C-alpha atoms as a PDB file:
ATOM      1  CA  MET A   1       8.921  13.425  18.671  1.00  0.00           C
ATOM      2  CA  ALA A   2      11.771  14.855  16.726  1.00  0.00           C
ATOM      3  CA  PRO A   3      11.912  16.566  13.350  1.00  0.00           C
ATOM      4  CA  LYS A   4      14.245  13.871  12.047  1.00  0.00           C
ATOM      5  CA  VAL A   5      14.551  10.121  12.585  1.00  0.00           C
ATOM      6  CA  LYS A   6      18.033   8.825  13.253  1.00  0.00           C
ATOM      7  CA  GLU A   7      17.386   5.109  13.336  1.00  0.00           C
ATOM      8  CA  SER A   8      18.643   2.097  11.446  1.00  0.00           C
ATOM      9  CA  ALA A   9      17.161  -1.392  11.852  1.00  0.00           C
ATOM     10  CA  GLY A  10      15.388  -0.278  15.034  1.00  0.00           C
ATOM     11  CA  LYS A  11      18.631   0.959  16.604  1.00  0.00           C
ATOM     12  CA  LYS A  12      18.810   4.607  17.632  1.00  0.00           C
ATOM     13  CA  LYS A  13      21.680   6.512  16.043  1.00  0.00           C
ATOM     14  CA  GLY A  14      23.363   9.637  17.317  1.00  0.00           C
ATOM     15  CA  SER A  15      25.504  10.679  20.248  1.00  0.00           C
ATOM     16  CA  SER A  16      22.904  11.325  22.904  1.00  0.00           C
ATOM     17  CA  SER A  17      19.678   9.954  21.472  1.00  0.00           C
ATOM     18  CA  THR A  18      17.777   8.185  24.195  1.00  0.00           C
ATOM     19  CA  GLY A  19      14.566   7.765  22.253  1.00  0.00           C
ATOM     20  CA  HIS A  20      12.538   9.766  24.752  1.00  0.00           C
ATOM     21  CA  GLY A  21      10.929  13.058  23.920  1.00  0.00           C
ATOM     22  CA  ASN A  22       8.807  15.734  25.474  1.00  0.00           C
ATOM     23  CA  ARG A  23       5.460  14.012  26.077  1.00  0.00           C
ATOM     24  CA  TYR A  24       3.667  17.329  26.506  1.00  0.00           C
ATOM     25  CA  LEU A  25       4.917  18.539  23.145  1.00  0.00           C
ATOM     26  CA  ALA A  26       3.955  15.200  21.583  1.00  0.00           C
ATOM     27  CA  ARG A  27       0.416  15.550  22.963  1.00  0.00           C
ATOM     28  CA  ILE A  28       0.033  19.087  21.561  1.00  0.00           C
ATOM     29  CA  LEU A  29       1.450  18.044  18.190  1.00  0.00           C
ATOM     30  CA  GLY A  30      -0.944  15.083  18.127  1.00  0.00           C
ATOM     31  CA  GLU A  31      -3.909  17.362  18.753  1.00  0.00           C
ATOM     32  CA  ALA A  32      -2.697  19.755  16.050  1.00  0.00           C
ATOM     33  CA  ALA A  33      -2.288  16.822  13.660  1.00  0.00           C
ATOM     34  CA  VAL A  34      -5.834  15.599  14.315  1.00  0.00           C
ATOM     35  CA  GLY A  35      -7.102  19.123  13.679  1.00  0.00           C
ATOM     36  CA  ALA A  36      -5.039  19.420  10.490  1.00  0.00           C
ATOM     37  CA  SER A  37      -6.324  16.050   9.278  1.00  0.00           C
ATOM     38  CA  LYS A  38      -9.802  17.500   8.816  1.00  0.00           C
ATOM     39  CA  THR A  39      -8.689  20.386   6.603  1.00  0.00           C
ATOM     40  CA  PRO A  40      -8.270  20.581   2.815  1.00  0.00           C
ATOM     41  CA  THR A  41      -4.541  21.343   3.085  1.00  0.00           C
ATOM     42  CA  PHE A  42      -1.273  19.564   2.359  1.00  0.00           C
ATOM     43  CA  LEU A  43      -1.111  18.242   5.925  1.00  0.00           C
ATOM     44  CA  GLY A  44      -4.707  17.005   5.751  1.00  0.00           C
ATOM     45  CA  GLU A  45      -3.991  15.142   2.539  1.00  0.00           C
ATOM     46  CA  ARG A  46      -0.770  13.749   4.029  1.00  0.00           C
ATOM     47  CA  TYR A  47      -2.774  12.399   6.973  1.00  0.00           C
ATOM     48  CA  ARG A  48      -5.330  10.760   4.674  1.00  0.00           C
ATOM     49  CA  ARG A  49      -2.653   9.161   2.474  1.00  0.00           C
ATOM     50  CA  ILE A  50      -0.763   7.703   5.431  1.00  0.00           C
ATOM     51  CA  ALA A  51      -3.912   6.651   7.335  1.00  0.00           C
ATOM     52  CA  ARG A  52      -5.041   4.620   4.337  1.00  0.00           C
ATOM     53  CA  ARG A  53      -1.820   2.632   4.278  1.00  0.00           C
ATOM     54  CA  ARG A  54      -0.576   2.539   7.876  1.00  0.00           C
ATOM     55  CA  GLY A  55      -3.452   3.442  10.180  1.00  0.00           C
ATOM     56  CA  LYS A  56      -4.751   6.511  11.939  1.00  0.00           C
ATOM     57  CA  GLN A  57      -2.360   6.619  14.888  1.00  0.00           C
ATOM     58  CA  ARG A  58       0.759   6.369  12.733  1.00  0.00           C
ATOM     59  CA  ALA A  59      -0.661   9.058  10.480  1.00  0.00           C
ATOM     60  CA  VAL A  60      -1.205  11.356  13.472  1.00  0.00           C
ATOM     61  CA  VAL A  61       2.411  10.897  14.554  1.00  0.00           C
ATOM     62  CA  ALA A  62       3.690  11.459  11.001  1.00  0.00           C
ATOM     63  CA  VAL A  63       1.691  14.666  10.555  1.00  0.00           C
ATOM     64  CA  GLY A  64       2.726  15.823  14.035  1.00  0.00           C
ATOM     65  CA  ARG A  65       6.351  15.374  13.044  1.00  0.00           C
ATOM     66  CA  SER A  66       5.705  17.312   9.826  1.00  0.00           C
ATOM     67  CA  ILE A  67       4.202  20.148  11.863  1.00  0.00           C
ATOM     68  CA  LEU A  68       7.225  20.093  14.172  1.00  0.00           C
ATOM     69  CA  THR A  69       9.565  20.316  11.169  1.00  0.00           C
ATOM     70  CA  ILE A  70       7.617  23.255   9.730  1.00  0.00           C
ATOM     71  CA  VAL A  71       7.660  25.093  13.063  1.00  0.00           C
ATOM     72  CA  TRP A  72      11.377  24.420  13.501  1.00  0.00           C
ATOM     73  CA  HIS A  73      12.173  25.926  10.094  1.00  0.00           C
ATOM     74  CA  LEU A  74       9.968  28.946  10.759  1.00  0.00           C
ATOM     75  CA  LEU A  75      11.630  29.587  14.114  1.00  0.00           C
ATOM     76  CA  CYS A  76      15.192  29.129  12.841  1.00  0.00           C
ATOM     77  CA  ASP A  77      14.915  31.448   9.857  1.00  0.00           C
ATOM     78  CA  PRO A  78      13.263  34.817  10.565  1.00  0.00           C
ATOM     79  CA  ASN A  79      12.812  35.425   6.823  1.00  0.00           C
ATOM     80  CA  ALA A  80      11.003  32.128   6.224  1.00  0.00           C
ATOM     81  CA  HIS A  81       7.297  32.165   5.381  1.00  0.00           C
ATOM     82  CA  PHE A  82       4.949  29.199   5.360  1.00  0.00           C
ATOM     83  CA  THR A  83       3.249  28.419   2.076  1.00  0.00           C
ATOM     84  CA  ASP A  84       0.834  25.501   1.997  1.00  0.00           C
ATOM     85  CA  LEU A  85       1.520  23.164  -0.928  1.00  0.00           C
ATOM     86  CA  GLY A  86      -2.178  22.371  -1.301  1.00  0.00           C
ATOM     87  CA  PRO A  87      -4.131  19.124  -1.130  1.00  0.00           C
ATOM     88  CA  ASP A  88      -3.374  18.245  -4.761  1.00  0.00           C
ATOM     89  CA  PHE A  89       0.416  18.377  -4.324  1.00  0.00           C
ATOM     90  CA  TYR A  90       0.841  14.606  -4.612  1.00  0.00           C
ATOM     91  CA  ASP A  91      -1.514  14.336  -7.604  1.00  0.00           C
ATOM     92  CA  ASN A  92       0.318  17.004  -9.576  1.00  0.00           C
ATOM     93  CA  ARG A  93       3.685  15.537  -8.685  1.00  0.00           C
ATOM     94  CA  ILE A  94       3.031  12.323 -10.594  1.00  0.00           C
ATOM     95  CA  GLY A  95       3.828  12.764 -14.281  1.00  0.00           C
ATOM     96  CA  PRO A  96       1.365  11.861 -17.035  1.00  0.00           C
ATOM     97  CA  GLU A  97       3.439   8.895 -18.240  1.00  0.00           C
ATOM     98  CA  ARG A  98       3.532   7.337 -14.803  1.00  0.00           C
ATOM     99  CA  LYS A  99      -0.175   7.946 -14.304  1.00  0.00           C
ATOM    100  CA  LYS A 100      -0.941   6.331 -17.677  1.00  0.00           C
ATOM    101  CA  ARG A 101       1.237   3.313 -16.866  1.00  0.00           C
ATOM    102  CA  ASN A 102      -0.440   2.845 -13.476  1.00  0.00           C
ATOM    103  CA  HIS A 103      -3.954   2.975 -14.940  1.00  0.00           C
ATOM    104  CA  VAL A 104      -3.062   0.507 -17.681  1.00  0.00           C
ATOM    105  CA  ARG A 105      -1.565  -1.870 -15.114  1.00  0.00           C
ATOM    106  CA  GLN A 106      -4.680  -1.634 -12.940  1.00  0.00           C
ATOM    107  CA  LEU A 107      -6.997  -2.357 -15.860  1.00  0.00           C
ATOM    108  CA  GLU A 108      -4.875  -5.326 -16.924  1.00  0.00           C
ATOM    109  CA  ALA A 109      -5.012  -6.659 -13.371  1.00  0.00           C
ATOM    110  CA  LEU A 110      -8.817  -6.564 -13.644  1.00  0.00           C
ATOM    111  CA  GLY A 111      -8.638  -8.724 -16.780  1.00  0.00           C
ATOM    112  CA  TYR A 112      -8.908  -6.137 -19.559  1.00  0.00           C
ATOM    113  CA  ARG A 113      -6.656  -5.849 -22.605  1.00  0.00           C
ATOM    114  CA  VAL A 114      -5.638  -2.214 -23.041  1.00  0.00           C
ATOM    115  CA  THR A 115      -4.452  -0.443 -26.171  1.00  0.00           C
ATOM    116  CA  LEU A 116      -3.880   3.288 -26.012  1.00  0.00           C
ATOM    117  CA  GLN A 117      -4.366   5.638 -28.942  1.00  0.00           C
ATOM    118  CA  PRO A 118      -3.871   9.395 -28.742  1.00  0.00           C
ATOM    119  CA  ALA A 119      -7.012  11.512 -29.030  1.00  0.00           C
ATOM    120  CA  ALA A 120      -7.555  13.181 -32.393  1.00  0.00           C
END
C-alpha cells in the first residue's frame, strides 16, 4: 500500500518502485478499513460506494489507502487537524442541475416522458 499510485497501463512508474509494500501495514490498514466501513462517516460512505461498483475487497484496499493518506498528512504537518467530511459529502457535491438531469434520464430509460415545470 502506498498513499499514491504511480502506474500507467499496469506498468509501475518511479525510480525505485518495486510494487511491494509492508504487508503488516497493509493488514492493519485493511482491518481499519473494515472497521471504518461500518460507520456513518466519509470513509464508511466511500467504502459503500466503491463496494457497490467494484466489490468488497477492492473497496477495503481503497479505504485503507485513504486512511494511509490521511495519516501521512497528519504526521507530516503538526498543525493539521482531521475533520470528517461526513457521509453526505458526495450527495451534496452533485449540483441540482446534474441531479435533475440524471433523474430525468433514468425516468426516460424506464419508458416515461418527462416534462419539468418549476413549483409555484
